[in-house]
Amino acid sequence: MGLFSTLNVSGSGLTSQRLRLDVIANNIANATTTRTTEGGPFQRSRVILRPIDDSLTFKSHLLPDNLKKQVGQGVKVLKIEKDEKPPRMVYDPTHPDAIKSGKWTGYVMMPNVNIVEEMVDMISANRSYEANISVIQAGRQMFEKALGIGK
């Protein structure tokens, strides 16, 4: 794996973790939103990642073996999906969005966002982001030392 492919893999990791951090921040910001334009409470979003797989692309049989079998290509965002967990029911009859009649009278449908879970996900995404930055810095230092050998 060369320097530029290392940078590409780490760059894809940086991009995907940044998007993950943005989605987590949106979830935290809307943790108390009980009314959305779609109707009902806010639903938690989550980012689905998958490895970049180029096995579906055409590869020539004339390539040397070391170019045919590469370790990794990076990561890509497959989709951002809504978490289908049911909303939390909180008893607050004074809330403007409280249910007026039926079994759940006085309850408010709150978003299915768990702040503790979001904070754990944020720490994980942040650490992954930092690890990718470390890989880029180490690759740059190795490249500089390799260039210094020729002096």
C-alpha atoms as a PDB file:
ATOM      1  CA  MET A   1       0.000   0.000   0.000  1.00  0.00           C
ATOM      2  CA  GLY A   2       1.544   3.300  -1.067  1.00  0.00           C
ATOM      3  CA  LEU A   3       1.416   6.689   0.549  1.00  0.00           C
ATOM      4  CA  PHE A   4      -1.389   8.039  -1.614  1.00  0.00           C
ATOM      5  CA  SER A   5      -3.609   5.006  -1.068  1.00  0.00           C
ATOM      6  CA  THR A   6      -2.977   5.370   2.689  1.00  0.00           C
ATOM      7  CA  LEU A   7      -4.038   9.002   2.468  1.00  0.00           C
ATOM      8  CA  ASN A   8      -7.143   8.032   0.488  1.00  0.00           C
ATOM      9  CA  VAL A   9      -8.168   5.403   3.059  1.00  0.00           C
ATOM     10  CA  SER A  10      -7.648   7.810   5.960  1.00  0.00           C
ATOM     11  CA  GLY A  11      -9.378  10.603   4.054  1.00  0.00           C
ATOM     12  CA  SER A  12     -12.459   8.458   3.540  1.00  0.00           C
ATOM     13  CA  GLY A  13     -12.413   7.687   7.272  1.00  0.00           C
ATOM     14  CA  LEU A  14     -12.173  11.394   8.122  1.00  0.00           C
ATOM     15  CA  THR A  15     -15.087  12.240   5.843  1.00  0.00           C
ATOM     16  CA  SER A  16     -17.329   9.472   7.166  1.00  0.00           C
ATOM     17  CA  GLN A  17     -16.557  10.196  10.831  1.00  0.00           C
ATOM     18  CA  ARG A  18     -17.199  13.898  10.279  1.00  0.00           C
ATOM     19  CA  LEU A  19     -20.636  13.079   8.839  1.00  0.00           C
ATOM     20  CA  ARG A  20     -21.250  10.749  11.784  1.00  0.00           C
ATOM     21  CA  LEU A  21     -20.385  13.573  14.207  1.00  0.00           C
ATOM     22  CA  ASP A  22     -22.769  15.914  12.356  1.00  0.00           C
ATOM     23  CA  VAL A  23     -25.636  13.395  12.610  1.00  0.00           C
ATOM     24  CA  ILE A  24     -24.939  12.831  16.319  1.00  0.00           C
ATOM     25  CA  ALA A  25     -24.927  16.598  16.933  1.00  0.00           C
ATOM     26  CA  ASN A  26     -28.284  16.863  15.129  1.00  0.00           C
ATOM     27  CA  ASN A  27     -29.695  14.075  17.315  1.00  0.00           C
ATOM     28  CA  ILE A  28     -28.550  15.826  20.499  1.00  0.00           C
ATOM     29  CA  ALA A  29     -29.882  19.178  19.312  1.00  0.00           C
ATOM     30  CA  ASN A  30     -33.323  17.644  18.706  1.00  0.00           C
ATOM     31  CA  ALA A  31     -33.468  15.496  21.856  1.00  0.00           C
ATOM     32  CA  THR A  32     -36.515  17.451  23.102  1.00  0.00           C
ATOM     33  CA  THR A  33     -38.241  18.224  19.786  1.00  0.00           C
ATOM     34  CA  THR A  34     -41.800  16.944  20.089  1.00  0.00           C
ATOM     35  CA  ARG A  35     -43.193  18.379  16.848  1.00  0.00           C
ATOM     36  CA  THR A  36     -41.606  18.065  13.389  1.00  0.00           C
ATOM     37  CA  THR A  37     -42.777  18.984   9.901  1.00  0.00           C
ATOM     38  CA  GLU A  38     -43.446  15.280   9.216  1.00  0.00           C
ATOM     39  CA  GLY A  39     -45.613  15.141  12.340  1.00  0.00           C
ATOM     40  CA  GLY A  40     -44.820  13.529  15.650  1.00  0.00           C
ATOM     41  CA  PRO A  41     -41.602  13.679  17.629  1.00  0.00           C
ATOM     42  CA  PHE A  42     -38.095  13.786  16.165  1.00  0.00           C
ATOM     43  CA  GLN A  43     -36.645  10.386  15.263  1.00  0.00           C
ATOM     44  CA  ARG A  44     -33.008   9.609  15.928  1.00  0.00           C
ATOM     45  CA  SER A  45     -30.826   9.217  12.836  1.00  0.00           C
ATOM     46  CA  ARG A  46     -27.818   6.990  12.456  1.00  0.00           C
ATOM     47  CA  VAL A  47     -25.101   6.619   9.842  1.00  0.00           C
ATOM     48  CA  ILE A  48     -24.543   3.229   8.216  1.00  0.00           C
ATOM     49  CA  LEU A  49     -20.952   2.735   7.018  1.00  0.00           C
ATOM     50  CA  ARG A  50     -19.475   0.002   4.871  1.00  0.00           C
ATOM     51  CA  PRO A  51     -16.048  -0.738   3.428  1.00  0.00           C
ATOM     52  CA  ILE A  52     -15.363   0.450  -0.081  1.00  0.00           C
ATOM     53  CA  ASP A  53     -15.361  -2.697  -2.180  1.00  0.00           C
ATOM     54  CA  ASP A  54     -14.051  -2.479  -5.691  1.00  0.00           C
ATOM     55  CA  SER A  55     -14.607  -6.169  -6.413  1.00  0.00           C
ATOM     56  CA  LEU A  56     -17.491  -5.209  -8.705  1.00  0.00           C
ATOM     57  CA  THR A  57     -15.244  -3.139 -10.950  1.00  0.00           C
ATOM     58  CA  PHE A  58     -13.328  -4.594 -13.856  1.00  0.00           C
ATOM     59  CA  LYS A  59      -9.698  -5.522 -13.214  1.00  0.00           C
ATOM     60  CA  SER A  60      -7.388  -6.623 -15.936  1.00  0.00           C
ATOM     61  CA  HIS A  61      -5.709 -10.022 -15.701  1.00  0.00           C
ATOM     62  CA  LEU A  62      -2.555  -8.323 -16.932  1.00  0.00           C
ATOM     63  CA  LEU A  63      -2.039  -6.467 -13.644  1.00  0.00           C
ATOM     64  CA  PRO A  64       0.747  -7.674 -11.354  1.00  0.00           C
ATOM     65  CA  ASP A  65      -0.463  -9.711  -8.367  1.00  0.00           C
ATOM     66  CA  ASN A  66       0.464  -7.006  -5.858  1.00  0.00           C
ATOM     67  CA  LEU A  67      -1.955  -4.594  -7.558  1.00  0.00           C
ATOM     68  CA  LYS A  68      -4.791  -7.135  -7.724  1.00  0.00           C
ATOM     69  CA  LYS A  69      -4.958  -7.867  -3.989  1.00  0.00           C
ATOM     70  CA  GLN A  70      -5.132  -4.657  -2.029  1.00  0.00           C
ATOM     71  CA  VAL A  71      -5.817  -4.727   1.694  1.00  0.00           C
ATOM     72  CA  GLY A  72      -8.421  -1.999   1.985  1.00  0.00           C
ATOM     73  CA  GLN A  73      -9.910   0.830   0.027  1.00  0.00           C
ATOM     74  CA  GLY A  74     -11.444   2.848   2.863  1.00  0.00           C
ATOM     75  CA  VAL A  75     -14.974   3.365   4.073  1.00  0.00           C
ATOM     76  CA  LYS A  76     -18.072   4.947   2.576  1.00  0.00           C
ATOM     77  CA  VAL A  77     -21.429   6.062   3.885  1.00  0.00           C
ATOM     78  CA  LEU A  78     -24.056   3.582   2.777  1.00  0.00           C
ATOM     79  CA  LYS A  79     -27.009   5.610   4.090  1.00  0.00           C
ATOM     80  CA  ILE A  80     -28.390   7.697   6.908  1.00  0.00           C
ATOM     81  CA  GLU A  81     -31.432   5.975   8.336  1.00  0.00           C
ATOM     82  CA  LYS A  82     -34.038   6.780  10.963  1.00  0.00           C
ATOM     83  CA  ASP A  83     -34.031   4.695  14.128  1.00  0.00           C
ATOM     84  CA  GLU A  84     -37.400   2.942  14.323  1.00  0.00           C
ATOM     85  CA  LYS A  85     -37.477   2.610  18.120  1.00  0.00           C
ATOM     86  CA  PRO A  86     -40.775   3.886  19.559  1.00  0.00           C
ATOM     87  CA  PRO A  87     -40.828   7.354  21.140  1.00  0.00           C
ATOM     88  CA  ARG A  88     -40.491   7.756  24.891  1.00  0.00           C
ATOM     89  CA  MET A  89     -43.738   8.512  26.674  1.00  0.00           C
ATOM     90  CA  VAL A  90     -43.355  11.225  29.339  1.00  0.00           C
ATOM     91  CA  TYR A  91     -46.191  12.301  31.603  1.00  0.00           C
ATOM     92  CA  ASP A  92     -46.610  16.090  31.353  1.00  0.00           C
ATOM     93  CA  PRO A  93     -50.280  17.168  31.035  1.00  0.00           C
ATOM     94  CA  THR A  94     -49.262  20.870  30.840  1.00  0.00           C
ATOM     95  CA  HIS A  95     -47.198  20.364  27.659  1.00  0.00           C
ATOM     96  CA  PRO A  96     -48.862  21.759  24.498  1.00  0.00           C
ATOM     97  CA  ASP A  97     -48.263  18.450  22.665  1.00  0.00           C
ATOM     98  CA  ALA A  98     -49.729  16.259  25.429  1.00  0.00           C
ATOM     99  CA  ILE A  99     -52.213  13.628  24.258  1.00  0.00           C
ATOM    100  CA  LYS A 100     -55.737  14.896  25.014  1.00  0.00           C
ATOM    101  CA  SER A 101     -57.740  11.663  25.177  1.00  0.00           C
ATOM    102  CA  GLY A 102     -57.425   7.911  25.330  1.00  0.00           C
ATOM    103  CA  LYS A 103     -55.152   5.558  27.209  1.00  0.00           C
ATOM    104  CA  TRP A 104     -52.179   7.960  27.099  1.00  0.00           C
ATOM    105  CA  THR A 105     -54.004  11.109  28.272  1.00  0.00           C
ATOM    106  CA  GLY A 106     -51.504  13.636  29.613  1.00  0.00           C
ATOM    107  CA  TYR A 107     -48.464  11.898  28.103  1.00  0.00           C
ATOM    108  CA  VAL A 108     -46.128  13.518  25.573  1.00  0.00           C
ATOM    109  CA  MET A 109     -44.375  11.549  22.834  1.00  0.00           C
ATOM    110  CA  MET A 110     -40.697  12.476  23.196  1.00  0.00           C
ATOM    111  CA  PRO A 111     -37.915  11.672  20.695  1.00  0.00           C
ATOM    112  CA  ASN A 112     -36.226   8.266  20.886  1.00  0.00           C
ATOM    113  CA  VAL A 113     -32.858   9.966  21.504  1.00  0.00           C
ATOM    114  CA  ASN A 114     -30.829   8.709  24.454  1.00  0.00           C
ATOM    115  CA  ILE A 115     -28.252  11.376  25.365  1.00  0.00           C
ATOM    116  CA  VAL A 116     -25.886   8.872  27.001  1.00  0.00           C
ATOM    117  CA  GLU A 117     -25.892   6.696  23.880  1.00  0.00           C
ATOM    118  CA  GLU A 118     -25.286   9.745  21.696  1.00  0.00           C
ATOM    119  CA  MET A 119     -22.355  10.860  23.850  1.00  0.00           C
ATOM    120  CA  VAL A 120     -20.782   7.387  23.645  1.00  0.00           C
ATOM    121  CA  ASP A 121     -21.222   7.443  19.848  1.00  0.00           C
ATOM    122  CA  MET A 122     -19.712  10.937  19.747  1.00  0.00           C
ATOM    123  CA  ILE A 123     -16.640   9.823  21.705  1.00  0.00           C
ATOM    124  CA  SER A 124     -16.250   6.821  19.391  1.00  0.00           C
ATOM    125  CA  ALA A 125     -16.519   8.957  16.246  1.00  0.00           C
ATOM    126  CA  ASN A 126     -14.110  11.515  17.690  1.00  0.00           C
ATOM    127  CA  ARG A 127     -11.519   8.842  18.517  1.00  0.00           C
ATOM    128  CA  SER A 128     -11.864   7.348  15.023  1.00  0.00           C
ATOM    129  CA  TYR A 129     -11.370  10.804  13.539  1.00  0.00           C
ATOM    130  CA  GLU A 130      -8.241  11.328  15.662  1.00  0.00           C
ATOM    131  CA  ALA A 131      -6.872   7.895  14.658  1.00  0.00           C
ATOM    132  CA  ASN A 132      -7.249   8.750  10.969  1.00  0.00           C
ATOM    133  CA  ILE A 133      -5.440  12.051  11.519  1.00  0.00           C
ATOM    134  CA  SER A 134      -2.604  10.145  13.231  1.00  0.00           C
ATOM    135  CA  VAL A 135      -2.320   7.804  10.247  1.00  0.00           C
ATOM    136  CA  ILE A 136      -2.081  10.758   7.866  1.00  0.00           C
ATOM    137  CA  GLN A 137       0.589  12.432  10.019  1.00  0.00           C
ATOM    138  CA  ALA A 138       2.617   9.199  10.313  1.00  0.00           C
ATOM    139  CA  GLY A 139       2.406   8.662   6.552  1.00  0.00           C
ATOM    140  CA  ARG A 140       3.579  12.211   5.910  1.00  0.00           C
ATOM    141  CA  GLN A 141       6.527  11.777   8.288  1.00  0.00           C
ATOM    142  CA  MET A 142       7.553   8.500   6.617  1.00  0.00           C
ATOM    143  CA  PHE A 143       7.319  10.114   3.195  1.00  0.00           C
ATOM    144  CA  GLU A 144       9.496  13.042   4.357  1.00  0.00           C
ATOM    145  CA  LYS A 145      12.097  10.653   5.797  1.00  0.00           C
ATOM    146  CA  ALA A 146      12.096   8.613   2.585  1.00  0.00           C
ATOM    147  CA  LEU A 147      12.740  11.793   0.600  1.00  0.00           C
ATOM    148  CA  GLY A 148      15.511  12.696   3.037  1.00  0.00           C
ATOM    149  CA  ILE A 149      17.345   9.428   2.296  1.00  0.00           C
ATOM    150  CA  GLY A 150      18.198  10.672  -1.184  1.00  0.00           C
ATOM    151  CA  LYS A 151      20.047  13.750   0.121  1.00  0.00           C
END
